[in-house]
Amino acid sequence: MNQPETIADGWHCPAERTLDLLAGKWRPMVIFWLMDGPLRFNELQRRLGAITHRTLSKTLKEMEADGLVHRKDYGEMPPRVDYSLTARGRSLKPVLQAMEKWAQTHAGR
């Protein structure tokens, strides 16, 4: 099998960038919960369950830097911040749906 050549942006496989954006336990789950609309930090943390405050904060900052999540700060006291998916984040919906379908078909094998 031939080794793929490195493409212009440094990735070797077209799927590699997508996998990088979805890497980690929490990113796909954050996208899943934000698909229905914006959520505040604490509500997102409740829905995710076992995630720590620090891990969720780090994950959201990374996803914001990757252009997947938008953070809206209302500048109020007490602080009010909503997180939502960007168009780029929403574009991952069919990818996650395909992963869900695959898991339903092949779970337990």
PDB file of N, CA and C in Angstrom:
ATOM      1  N   MET A   1       0.853  -1.178   0.000  1.00  0.00           N
ATOM      2  CA  MET A   1       0.000   0.000   0.000  1.00  0.00           C
ATOM      3  C   MET A   1       0.897   1.239   0.000  1.00  0.00           C
ATOM      4  N   ASN A   2       0.618   2.170  -0.842  1.00  0.00           N
ATOM      5  CA  ASN A   2       1.408   3.394  -0.948  1.00  0.00           C
ATOM      6  C   ASN A   2       1.108   4.322   0.217  1.00  0.00           C
ATOM      7  N   GLN A   3       2.135   4.989   0.712  1.00  0.00           N
ATOM      8  CA  GLN A   3       1.961   5.988   1.749  1.00  0.00           C
ATOM      9  C   GLN A   3       1.362   7.244   1.111  1.00  0.00           C
ATOM     10  N   PRO A   4       0.353   7.836   1.746  1.00  0.00           N
ATOM     11  CA  PRO A   4      -0.225   9.058   1.182  1.00  0.00           C
ATOM     12  C   PRO A   4       0.769  10.210   1.284  1.00  0.00           C
ATOM     13  N   GLU A   5       0.723  11.069   0.317  1.00  0.00           N
ATOM     14  CA  GLU A   5       1.554  12.267   0.359  1.00  0.00           C
ATOM     15  C   GLU A   5       0.908  13.279   1.300  1.00  0.00           C
ATOM     16  N   THR A   6       1.746  14.092   1.888  1.00  0.00           N
ATOM     17  CA  THR A   6       1.229  15.150   2.752  1.00  0.00           C
ATOM     18  C   THR A   6       0.558  16.194   1.872  1.00  0.00           C
ATOM     19  N   ILE A   7      -0.672  16.545   2.241  1.00  0.00           N
ATOM     20  CA  ILE A   7      -1.372  17.571   1.481  1.00  0.00           C
ATOM     21  C   ILE A   7      -0.969  18.942   2.004  1.00  0.00           C
ATOM     22  N   ALA A   8      -1.377  19.966   1.324  1.00  0.00           N
ATOM     23  CA  ALA A   8      -0.883  21.328   1.555  1.00  0.00           C
ATOM     24  C   ALA A   8      -0.933  21.791   3.008  1.00  0.00           C
ATOM     25  N   ASP A   9      -1.963  21.466   3.754  1.00  0.00           N
ATOM     26  CA  ASP A   9      -2.063  21.991   5.117  1.00  0.00           C
ATOM     27  C   ASP A   9      -1.384  21.094   6.160  1.00  0.00           C
ATOM     28  N   GLY A  10      -0.652  20.077   5.719  1.00  0.00           N
ATOM     29  CA  GLY A  10       0.095  19.246   6.646  1.00  0.00           C
ATOM     30  C   GLY A  10      -0.585  17.952   7.051  1.00  0.00           C
ATOM     31  N   TRP A  11      -1.832  17.764   6.680  1.00  0.00           N
ATOM     32  CA  TRP A  11      -2.548  16.534   7.021  1.00  0.00           C
ATOM     33  C   TRP A  11      -2.243  15.475   5.973  1.00  0.00           C
ATOM     34  N   HIS A  12      -2.251  14.235   6.374  1.00  0.00           N
ATOM     35  CA  HIS A  12      -1.934  13.127   5.476  1.00  0.00           C
ATOM     36  C   HIS A  12      -3.175  12.494   4.855  1.00  0.00           C
ATOM     37  N   CYS A  13      -4.252  12.535   5.554  1.00  0.00           N
ATOM     38  CA  CYS A  13      -5.499  11.904   5.114  1.00  0.00           C
ATOM     39  C   CYS A  13      -6.614  12.936   5.246  1.00  0.00           C
ATOM     40  N   PRO A  14      -7.513  13.025   4.288  1.00  0.00           N
ATOM     41  CA  PRO A  14      -8.590  14.019   4.389  1.00  0.00           C
ATOM     42  C   PRO A  14      -9.422  13.897   5.664  1.00  0.00           C
ATOM     43  N   ALA A  15      -9.578  12.679   6.163  1.00  0.00           N
ATOM     44  CA  ALA A  15     -10.371  12.484   7.378  1.00  0.00           C
ATOM     45  C   ALA A  15      -9.607  12.880   8.638  1.00  0.00           C
ATOM     46  N   GLU A  16      -8.304  13.035   8.530  1.00  0.00           N
ATOM     47  CA  GLU A  16      -7.477  13.323   9.698  1.00  0.00           C
ATOM     48  C   GLU A  16      -7.886  14.630  10.374  1.00  0.00           C
ATOM     49  N   ARG A  17      -8.192  15.649   9.624  1.00  0.00           N
ATOM     50  CA  ARG A  17      -8.598  16.939  10.201  1.00  0.00           C
ATOM     51  C   ARG A  17      -9.930  16.802  10.933  1.00  0.00           C
ATOM     52  N   THR A  18     -10.866  16.059  10.353  1.00  0.00           N
ATOM     53  CA  THR A  18     -12.154  15.839  11.008  1.00  0.00           C
ATOM     54  C   THR A  18     -11.957  15.091  12.317  1.00  0.00           C
ATOM     55  N   LEU A  19     -11.131  14.056  12.280  1.00  0.00           N
ATOM     56  CA  LEU A  19     -10.862  13.291  13.495  1.00  0.00           C
ATOM     57  C   LEU A  19     -10.191  14.158  14.552  1.00  0.00           C
ATOM     58  N   ASP A  20      -9.322  15.060  14.127  1.00  0.00           N
ATOM     59  CA  ASP A  20      -8.668  15.968  15.059  1.00  0.00           C
ATOM     60  C   ASP A  20      -9.694  16.884  15.733  1.00  0.00           C
ATOM     61  N   LEU A  21     -10.662  17.371  14.976  1.00  0.00           N
ATOM     62  CA  LEU A  21     -11.690  18.249  15.531  1.00  0.00           C
ATOM     63  C   LEU A  21     -12.616  17.524  16.498  1.00  0.00           C
ATOM     64  N   LEU A  22     -12.774  16.207  16.304  1.00  0.00           N
ATOM     65  CA  LEU A  22     -13.653  15.413  17.163  1.00  0.00           C
ATOM     66  C   LEU A  22     -12.890  14.620  18.218  1.00  0.00           C
ATOM     67  N   ALA A  23     -11.578  14.818  18.284  1.00  0.00           N
ATOM     68  CA  ALA A  23     -10.742  14.033  19.189  1.00  0.00           C
ATOM     69  C   ALA A  23     -11.111  14.288  20.644  1.00  0.00           C
ATOM     70  N   GLY A  24     -11.060  13.246  21.405  1.00  0.00           N
ATOM     71  CA  GLY A  24     -11.335  13.347  22.830  1.00  0.00           C
ATOM     72  C   GLY A  24     -12.732  12.870  23.160  1.00  0.00           C
ATOM     73  N   LYS A  25     -12.918  12.597  24.412  1.00  0.00           N
ATOM     74  CA  LYS A  25     -14.190  12.060  24.901  1.00  0.00           C
ATOM     75  C   LYS A  25     -15.322  13.080  24.830  1.00  0.00           C
ATOM     76  N   TRP A  26     -15.017  14.348  25.079  1.00  0.00           N
ATOM     77  CA  TRP A  26     -16.072  15.320  25.312  1.00  0.00           C
ATOM     78  C   TRP A  26     -16.536  16.088  24.085  1.00  0.00           C
ATOM     79  N   ARG A  27     -15.676  16.297  23.109  1.00  0.00           N
ATOM     80  CA  ARG A  27     -16.049  17.130  21.955  1.00  0.00           C
ATOM     81  C   ARG A  27     -17.309  16.647  21.230  1.00  0.00           C
ATOM     82  N   PRO A  28     -17.403  15.374  20.860  1.00  0.00           N
ATOM     83  CA  PRO A  28     -18.638  14.937  20.192  1.00  0.00           C
ATOM     84  C   PRO A  28     -19.873  15.115  21.066  1.00  0.00           C
ATOM     85  N   MET A  29     -19.712  14.925  22.375  1.00  0.00           N
ATOM     86  CA  MET A  29     -20.850  15.069  23.276  1.00  0.00           C
ATOM     87  C   MET A  29     -21.265  16.532  23.425  1.00  0.00           C
ATOM     88  N   VAL A  30     -20.294  17.438  23.445  1.00  0.00           N
ATOM     89  CA  VAL A  30     -20.612  18.871  23.497  1.00  0.00           C
ATOM     90  C   VAL A  30     -21.393  19.251  22.237  1.00  0.00           C
ATOM     91  N   ILE A  31     -20.915  18.802  21.094  1.00  0.00           N
ATOM     92  CA  ILE A  31     -21.616  19.096  19.834  1.00  0.00           C
ATOM     93  C   ILE A  31     -23.029  18.537  19.878  1.00  0.00           C
ATOM     94  N   PHE A  32     -23.175  17.301  20.350  1.00  0.00           N
ATOM     95  CA  PHE A  32     -24.500  16.673  20.444  1.00  0.00           C
ATOM     96  C   PHE A  32     -25.465  17.538  21.254  1.00  0.00           C
ATOM     97  N   TRP A  33     -25.049  17.978  22.435  1.00  0.00           N
ATOM     98  CA  TRP A  33     -25.948  18.749  23.292  1.00  0.00           C
ATOM     99  C   TRP A  33     -26.219  20.148  22.757  1.00  0.00           C
ATOM    100  N   LEU A  34     -25.277  20.717  22.022  1.00  0.00           N
ATOM    101  CA  LEU A  34     -25.496  22.062  21.478  1.00  0.00           C
ATOM    102  C   LEU A  34     -26.268  22.048  20.166  1.00  0.00           C
ATOM    103  N   MET A  35     -26.511  20.872  19.599  1.00  0.00           N
ATOM    104  CA  MET A  35     -27.276  20.781  18.342  1.00  0.00           C
ATOM    105  C   MET A  35     -28.678  21.369  18.485  1.00  0.00           C
ATOM    106  N   ASP A  36     -29.264  21.264  19.683  1.00  0.00           N
ATOM    107  CA  ASP A  36     -30.625  21.750  19.900  1.00  0.00           C
ATOM    108  C   ASP A  36     -30.696  23.246  20.173  1.00  0.00           C
ATOM    109  N   GLY A  37     -29.538  23.882  20.340  1.00  0.00           N
ATOM    110  CA  GLY A  37     -29.532  25.319  20.588  1.00  0.00           C
ATOM    111  C   GLY A  37     -28.568  25.688  21.695  1.00  0.00           C
ATOM    112  N   PRO A  38     -28.457  26.983  21.945  1.00  0.00           N
ATOM    113  CA  PRO A  38     -27.493  27.479  22.928  1.00  0.00           C
ATOM    114  C   PRO A  38     -27.786  26.957  24.331  1.00  0.00           C
ATOM    115  N   LEU A  39     -26.701  26.777  25.093  1.00  0.00           N
ATOM    116  CA  LEU A  39     -26.813  26.383  26.491  1.00  0.00           C
ATOM    117  C   LEU A  39     -25.833  27.198  27.320  1.00  0.00           C
ATOM    118  N   ARG A  40     -26.209  27.431  28.550  1.00  0.00           N
ATOM    119  CA  ARG A  40     -25.291  28.052  29.494  1.00  0.00           C
ATOM    120  C   ARG A  40     -24.339  26.986  30.009  1.00  0.00           C
ATOM    121  N   PHE A  41     -23.203  27.426  30.532  1.00  0.00           N
ATOM    122  CA  PHE A  41     -22.137  26.523  30.965  1.00  0.00           C
ATOM    123  C   PHE A  41     -22.648  25.456  31.938  1.00  0.00           C
ATOM    124  N   ASN A  42     -23.348  25.874  32.983  1.00  0.00           N
ATOM    125  CA  ASN A  42     -23.796  24.927  34.006  1.00  0.00           C
ATOM    126  C   ASN A  42     -24.791  23.917  33.459  1.00  0.00           C
ATOM    127  N   GLU A  43     -25.659  24.338  32.567  1.00  0.00           N
ATOM    128  CA  GLU A  43     -26.616  23.406  31.964  1.00  0.00           C
ATOM    129  C   GLU A  43     -25.890  22.389  31.096  1.00  0.00           C
ATOM    130  N   LEU A  44     -24.920  22.843  30.337  1.00  0.00           N
ATOM    131  CA  LEU A  44     -24.125  21.932  29.511  1.00  0.00           C
ATOM    132  C   LEU A  44     -23.375  20.943  30.400  1.00  0.00           C
ATOM    133  N   GLN A  45     -22.814  21.419  31.480  1.00  0.00           N
ATOM    134  CA  GLN A  45     -22.095  20.538  32.402  1.00  0.00           C
ATOM    135  C   GLN A  45     -23.038  19.495  33.004  1.00  0.00           C
ATOM    136  N   ARG A  46     -24.253  19.884  33.373  1.00  0.00           N
ATOM    137  CA  ARG A  46     -25.238  18.931  33.912  1.00  0.00           C
ATOM    138  C   ARG A  46     -25.568  17.852  32.896  1.00  0.00           C
ATOM    139  N   ARG A  47     -25.752  18.253  31.644  1.00  0.00           N
ATOM    140  CA  ARG A  47     -26.112  17.282  30.606  1.00  0.00           C
ATOM    141  C   ARG A  47     -24.974  16.315  30.304  1.00  0.00           C
ATOM    142  N   LEU A  48     -23.740  16.799  30.406  1.00  0.00           N
ATOM    143  CA  LEU A  48     -22.589  15.950  30.124  1.00  0.00           C
ATOM    144  C   LEU A  48     -22.302  14.976  31.260  1.00  0.00           C
ATOM    145  N   GLY A  49     -22.727  15.310  32.457  1.00  0.00           N
ATOM    146  CA  GLY A  49     -22.555  14.381  33.572  1.00  0.00           C
ATOM    147  C   GLY A  49     -21.210  14.482  34.256  1.00  0.00           C
ATOM    148  N   ALA A  50     -20.323  13.537  34.002  1.00  0.00           N
ATOM    149  CA  ALA A  50     -19.089  13.369  34.776  1.00  0.00           C
ATOM    150  C   ALA A  50     -17.960  14.330  34.423  1.00  0.00           C
ATOM    151  N   ILE A  51     -18.191  15.309  33.613  1.00  0.00           N
ATOM    152  CA  ILE A  51     -17.126  16.236  33.221  1.00  0.00           C
ATOM    153  C   ILE A  51     -16.880  17.256  34.339  1.00  0.00           C
ATOM    154  N   THR A  52     -15.613  17.559  34.575  1.00  0.00           N
ATOM    155  CA  THR A  52     -15.284  18.573  35.587  1.00  0.00           C
ATOM    156  C   THR A  52     -15.425  19.968  34.978  1.00  0.00           C
ATOM    157  N   HIS A  53     -15.537  20.947  35.863  1.00  0.00           N
ATOM    158  CA  HIS A  53     -15.634  22.347  35.430  1.00  0.00           C
ATOM    159  C   HIS A  53     -14.408  22.722  34.592  1.00  0.00           C
ATOM    160  N   ARG A  54     -13.240  22.336  35.074  1.00  0.00           N
ATOM    161  CA  ARG A  54     -11.988  22.658  34.386  1.00  0.00           C
ATOM    162  C   ARG A  54     -11.918  22.023  32.994  1.00  0.00           C
ATOM    163  N   THR A  55     -12.303  20.754  32.897  1.00  0.00           N
ATOM    164  CA  THR A  55     -12.249  20.052  31.617  1.00  0.00           C
ATOM    165  C   THR A  55     -13.234  20.651  30.623  1.00  0.00           C
ATOM    166  N   LEU A  56     -14.436  20.972  31.089  1.00  0.00           N
ATOM    167  CA  LEU A  56     -15.420  21.573  30.180  1.00  0.00           C
ATOM    168  C   LEU A  56     -14.942  22.944  29.720  1.00  0.00           C
ATOM    169  N   SER A  57     -14.409  23.736  30.624  1.00  0.00           N
ATOM    170  CA  SER A  57     -13.905  25.059  30.264  1.00  0.00           C
ATOM    171  C   SER A  57     -12.806  24.944  29.204  1.00  0.00           C
ATOM    172  N   LYS A  58     -11.869  24.047  29.406  1.00  0.00           N
ATOM    173  CA  LYS A  58     -10.772  23.834  28.456  1.00  0.00           C
ATOM    174  C   LYS A  58     -11.303  23.350  27.110  1.00  0.00           C
ATOM    175  N   THR A  59     -12.230  22.406  27.144  1.00  0.00           N
ATOM    176  CA  THR A  59     -12.804  21.862  25.913  1.00  0.00           C
ATOM    177  C   THR A  59     -13.517  22.947  25.120  1.00  0.00           C
ATOM    178  N   LEU A  60     -14.315  23.762  25.795  1.00  0.00           N
ATOM    179  CA  LEU A  60     -15.044  24.829  25.113  1.00  0.00           C
ATOM    180  C   LEU A  60     -14.095  25.869  24.520  1.00  0.00           C
ATOM    181  N   LYS A  61     -13.033  26.213  25.244  1.00  0.00           N
ATOM    182  CA  LYS A  61     -12.056  27.174  24.719  1.00  0.00           C
ATOM    183  C   LYS A  61     -11.373  26.623  23.470  1.00  0.00           C
ATOM    184  N   GLU A  62     -11.010  25.350  23.492  1.00  0.00           N
ATOM    185  CA  GLU A  62     -10.387  24.731  22.322  1.00  0.00           C
ATOM    186  C   GLU A  62     -11.350  24.675  21.144  1.00  0.00           C
ATOM    187  N   MET A  63     -12.592  24.335  21.425  1.00  0.00           N
ATOM    188  CA  MET A  63     -13.592  24.252  20.355  1.00  0.00           C
ATOM    189  C   MET A  63     -13.907  25.632  19.785  1.00  0.00           C
ATOM    190  N   GLU A  64     -13.860  26.655  20.639  1.00  0.00           N
ATOM    191  CA  GLU A  64     -14.047  28.028  20.164  1.00  0.00           C
ATOM    192  C   GLU A  64     -12.881  28.417  19.254  1.00  0.00           C
ATOM    193  N   ALA A  65     -11.665  28.058  19.656  1.00  0.00           N
ATOM    194  CA  ALA A  65     -10.478  28.357  18.845  1.00  0.00           C
ATOM    195  C   ALA A  65     -10.516  27.627  17.506  1.00  0.00           C
ATOM    196  N   ASP A  66     -11.135  26.437  17.482  1.00  0.00           N
ATOM    197  CA  ASP A  66     -11.268  25.657  16.247  1.00  0.00           C
ATOM    198  C   ASP A  66     -12.443  26.110  15.387  1.00  0.00           C
ATOM    199  N   GLY A  67     -13.204  27.084  15.868  1.00  0.00           N
ATOM    200  CA  GLY A  67     -14.325  27.603  15.094  1.00  0.00           C
ATOM    201  C   GLY A  67     -15.567  26.734  15.141  1.00  0.00           C
ATOM    202  N   LEU A  68     -15.690  25.879  16.160  1.00  0.00           N
ATOM    203  CA  LEU A  68     -16.850  24.990  16.275  1.00  0.00           C
ATOM    204  C   LEU A  68     -17.921  25.546  17.206  1.00  0.00           C
ATOM    205  N   VAL A  69     -17.491  26.315  18.195  1.00  0.00           N
ATOM    206  CA  VAL A  69     -18.396  26.817  19.229  1.00  0.00           C
ATOM    207  C   VAL A  69     -18.273  28.333  19.300  1.00  0.00           C
ATOM    208  N   HIS A  70     -19.421  28.970  19.524  1.00  0.00           N
ATOM    209  CA  HIS A  70     -19.463  30.420  19.722  1.00  0.00           C
ATOM    210  C   HIS A  70     -19.811  30.695  21.181  1.00  0.00           C
ATOM    211  N   ARG A  71     -19.070  31.586  21.787  1.00  0.00           N
ATOM    212  CA  ARG A  71     -19.307  31.987  23.174  1.00  0.00           C
ATOM    213  C   ARG A  71     -19.887  33.389  23.164  1.00  0.00           C
ATOM    214  N   LYS A  72     -21.091  33.531  23.730  1.00  0.00           N
ATOM    215  CA  LYS A  72     -21.726  34.849  23.793  1.00  0.00           C
ATOM    216  C   LYS A  72     -21.784  35.298  25.244  1.00  0.00           C
ATOM    217  N   ASP A  73     -21.039  36.352  25.533  1.00  0.00           N
ATOM    218  CA  ASP A  73     -20.997  36.933  26.869  1.00  0.00           C
ATOM    219  C   ASP A  73     -21.917  38.149  26.863  1.00  0.00           C
ATOM    220  N   TYR A  74     -22.918  38.137  27.739  1.00  0.00           N
ATOM    221  CA  TYR A  74     -23.891  39.222  27.781  1.00  0.00           C
ATOM    222  C   TYR A  74     -23.398  40.427  28.576  1.00  0.00           C
ATOM    223  N   GLY A  75     -22.238  40.305  29.230  1.00  0.00           N
ATOM    224  CA  GLY A  75     -21.670  41.422  29.974  1.00  0.00           C
ATOM    225  C   GLY A  75     -22.515  41.845  31.156  1.00  0.00           C
ATOM    226  N   GLU A  76     -23.223  40.920  31.741  1.00  0.00           N
ATOM    227  CA  GLU A  76     -24.095  41.218  32.872  1.00  0.00           C
ATOM    228  C   GLU A  76     -23.472  40.729  34.175  1.00  0.00           C
ATOM    229  N   MET A  77     -23.995  41.225  35.275  1.00  0.00           N
ATOM    230  CA  MET A  77     -23.630  40.721  36.594  1.00  0.00           C
ATOM    231  C   MET A  77     -24.898  40.210  37.246  1.00  0.00           C
ATOM    232  N   PRO A  78     -24.950  39.004  37.728  1.00  0.00           N
ATOM    233  CA  PRO A  78     -23.894  38.005  37.604  1.00  0.00           C
ATOM    234  C   PRO A  78     -23.657  37.633  36.142  1.00  0.00           C
ATOM    235  N   PRO A  79     -22.465  37.098  35.865  1.00  0.00           N
ATOM    236  CA  PRO A  79     -22.114  36.775  34.482  1.00  0.00           C
ATOM    237  C   PRO A  79     -23.117  35.814  33.828  1.00  0.00           C
ATOM    238  N   ARG A  80     -23.427  36.102  32.581  1.00  0.00           N
ATOM    239  CA  ARG A  80     -24.302  35.228  31.792  1.00  0.00           C
ATOM    240  C   ARG A  80     -23.614  34.990  30.461  1.00  0.00           C
ATOM    241  N   VAL A  81     -23.342  33.720  30.177  1.00  0.00           N
ATOM    242  CA  VAL A  81     -22.652  33.336  28.953  1.00  0.00           C
ATOM    243  C   VAL A  81     -23.389  32.154  28.341  1.00  0.00           C
ATOM    244  N   ASP A  82     -23.646  32.214  27.051  1.00  0.00           N
ATOM    245  CA  ASP A  82     -24.248  31.108  26.309  1.00  0.00           C
ATOM    246  C   ASP A  82     -23.221  30.532  25.355  1.00  0.00           C
ATOM    247  N   TYR A  83     -23.306  29.240  25.120  1.00  0.00           N
ATOM    248  CA  TYR A  83     -22.479  28.559  24.125  1.00  0.00           C
ATOM    249  C   TYR A  83     -23.395  27.981  23.067  1.00  0.00           C
ATOM    250  N   SER A  84     -22.994  28.140  21.813  1.00  0.00           N
ATOM    251  CA  SER A  84     -23.765  27.601  20.701  1.00  0.00           C
ATOM    252  C   SER A  84     -22.793  27.106  19.639  1.00  0.00           C
ATOM    253  N   LEU A  85     -23.313  26.330  18.710  1.00  0.00           N
ATOM    254  CA  LEU A  85     -22.487  25.850  17.607  1.00  0.00           C
ATOM    255  C   LEU A  85     -22.414  26.907  16.516  1.00  0.00           C
ATOM    256  N   THR A  86     -21.277  27.022  15.916  1.00  0.00           N
ATOM    257  CA  THR A  86     -21.117  27.858  14.732  1.00  0.00           C
ATOM    258  C   THR A  86     -21.627  27.051  13.536  1.00  0.00           C
ATOM    259  N   ALA A  87     -21.644  27.663  12.375  1.00  0.00           N
ATOM    260  CA  ALA A  87     -22.019  26.930  11.162  1.00  0.00           C
ATOM    261  C   ALA A  87     -21.078  25.750  10.952  1.00  0.00           C
ATOM    262  N   ARG A  88     -19.806  25.971  11.244  1.00  0.00           N
ATOM    263  CA  ARG A  88     -18.824  24.889  11.103  1.00  0.00           C
ATOM    264  C   ARG A  88     -19.136  23.748  12.072  1.00  0.00           C
ATOM    265  N   GLY A  89     -19.504  24.076  13.296  1.00  0.00           N
ATOM    266  CA  GLY A  89     -19.877  23.061  14.279  1.00  0.00           C
ATOM    267  C   GLY A  89     -21.125  22.309  13.868  1.00  0.00           C
ATOM    268  N   ARG A  90     -22.130  23.040  13.369  1.00  0.00           N
ATOM    269  CA  ARG A  90     -23.371  22.394  12.916  1.00  0.00           C
ATOM    270  C   ARG A  90     -23.125  21.487  11.718  1.00  0.00           C
ATOM    271  N   SER A  91     -22.110  21.810  10.924  1.00  0.00           N
ATOM    272  CA  SER A  91     -21.831  20.986   9.733  1.00  0.00           C
ATOM    273  C   SER A  91     -21.342  19.586  10.101  1.00  0.00           C
ATOM    274  N   LEU A  92     -20.990  19.364  11.364  1.00  0.00           N
ATOM    275  CA  LEU A  92     -20.559  18.036  11.814  1.00  0.00           C
ATOM    276  C   LEU A  92     -21.739  17.118  12.166  1.00  0.00           C
ATOM    277  N   LYS A  93     -22.951  17.642  12.105  1.00  0.00           N
ATOM    278  CA  LYS A  93     -24.125  16.835  12.461  1.00  0.00           C
ATOM    279  C   LYS A  93     -24.205  15.536  11.654  1.00  0.00           C
ATOM    280  N   PRO A  94     -24.057  15.557  10.321  1.00  0.00           N
ATOM    281  CA  PRO A  94     -24.142  14.288   9.587  1.00  0.00           C
ATOM    282  C   PRO A  94     -23.017  13.314   9.956  1.00  0.00           C
ATOM    283  N   VAL A  95     -21.869  13.839  10.349  1.00  0.00           N
ATOM    284  CA  VAL A  95     -20.762  12.980  10.771  1.00  0.00           C
ATOM    285  C   VAL A  95     -21.148  12.257  12.055  1.00  0.00           C
ATOM    286  N   LEU A  96     -21.690  12.999  13.014  1.00  0.00           N
ATOM    287  CA  LEU A  96     -22.108  12.389  14.276  1.00  0.00           C
ATOM    288  C   LEU A  96     -23.278  11.433  14.077  1.00  0.00           C
ATOM    289  N   GLN A  97     -24.185  11.767  13.175  1.00  0.00           N
ATOM    290  CA  GLN A  97     -25.301  10.866  12.888  1.00  0.00           C
ATOM    291  C   GLN A  97     -24.792   9.563  12.276  1.00  0.00           C
ATOM    292  N   ALA A  98     -23.811   9.646  11.389  1.00  0.00           N
ATOM    293  CA  ALA A  98     -23.226   8.439  10.800  1.00  0.00           C
ATOM    294  C   ALA A  98     -22.533   7.604  11.874  1.00  0.00           C
ATOM    295  N   MET A  99     -21.856   8.256  12.806  1.00  0.00           N
ATOM    296  CA  MET A  99     -21.205   7.534  13.901  1.00  0.00           C
ATOM    297  C   MET A  99     -22.241   6.850  14.788  1.00  0.00           C
ATOM    298  N   GLU A 100     -23.359   7.531  15.042  1.00  0.00           N
ATOM    299  CA  GLU A 100     -24.430   6.950  15.844  1.00  0.00           C
ATOM    300  C   GLU A 100     -25.021   5.729  15.145  1.00  0.00           C
ATOM    301  N   LYS A 101     -25.263   5.851  13.854  1.00  0.00           N
ATOM    302  CA  LYS A 101     -25.825   4.726  13.092  1.00  0.00           C
ATOM    303  C   LYS A 101     -24.867   3.538  13.102  1.00  0.00           C
ATOM    304  N   TRP A 102     -23.572   3.820  12.934  1.00  0.00           N
ATOM    305  CA  TRP A 102     -22.580   2.756  12.951  1.00  0.00           C
ATOM    306  C   TRP A 102     -22.586   2.056  14.308  1.00  0.00           C
ATOM    307  N   ALA A 103     -22.643   2.836  15.384  1.00  0.00           N
ATOM    308  CA  ALA A 103     -22.643   2.271  16.745  1.00  0.00           C
ATOM    309  C   ALA A 103     -23.884   1.406  16.978  1.00  0.00           C
ATOM    310  N   GLN A 104     -25.039   1.840  16.488  1.00  0.00           N
ATOM    311  CA  GLN A 104     -26.262   1.058  16.649  1.00  0.00           C
ATOM    312  C   GLN A 104     -26.163  -0.260  15.895  1.00  0.00           C
ATOM    313  N   THR A 105     -25.537  -0.245  14.730  1.00  0.00           N
ATOM    314  CA  THR A 105     -25.405  -1.447  13.912  1.00  0.00           C
ATOM    315  C   THR A 105     -24.371  -2.403  14.469  1.00  0.00           C
ATOM    316  N   HIS A 106     -23.281  -1.860  14.974  1.00  0.00           N
ATOM    317  CA  HIS A 106     -22.127  -2.703  15.342  1.00  0.00           C
ATOM    318  C   HIS A 106     -21.865  -2.791  16.838  1.00  0.00           C
ATOM    319  N   ALA A 107     -22.733  -2.219  17.647  1.00  0.00           N
ATOM    320  CA  ALA A 107     -22.524  -2.239  19.103  1.00  0.00           C
ATOM    321  C   ALA A 107     -22.470  -3.677  19.617  1.00  0.00           C
ATOM    322  N   GLY A 108     -21.511  -3.920  20.481  1.00  0.00           N
ATOM    323  CA  GLY A 108     -21.412  -5.248  21.097  1.00  0.00           C
ATOM    324  C   GLY A 108     -20.716  -6.289  20.255  1.00  0.00           C
ATOM    325  N   ARG A 109     -20.242  -5.936  19.094  1.00  0.00           N
ATOM    326  CA  ARG A 109     -19.560  -6.932  18.253  1.00  0.00           C
ATOM    327  C   ARG A 109     -18.095  -6.969  18.556  1.00  0.00           C
TER     328      ARG A 109
END
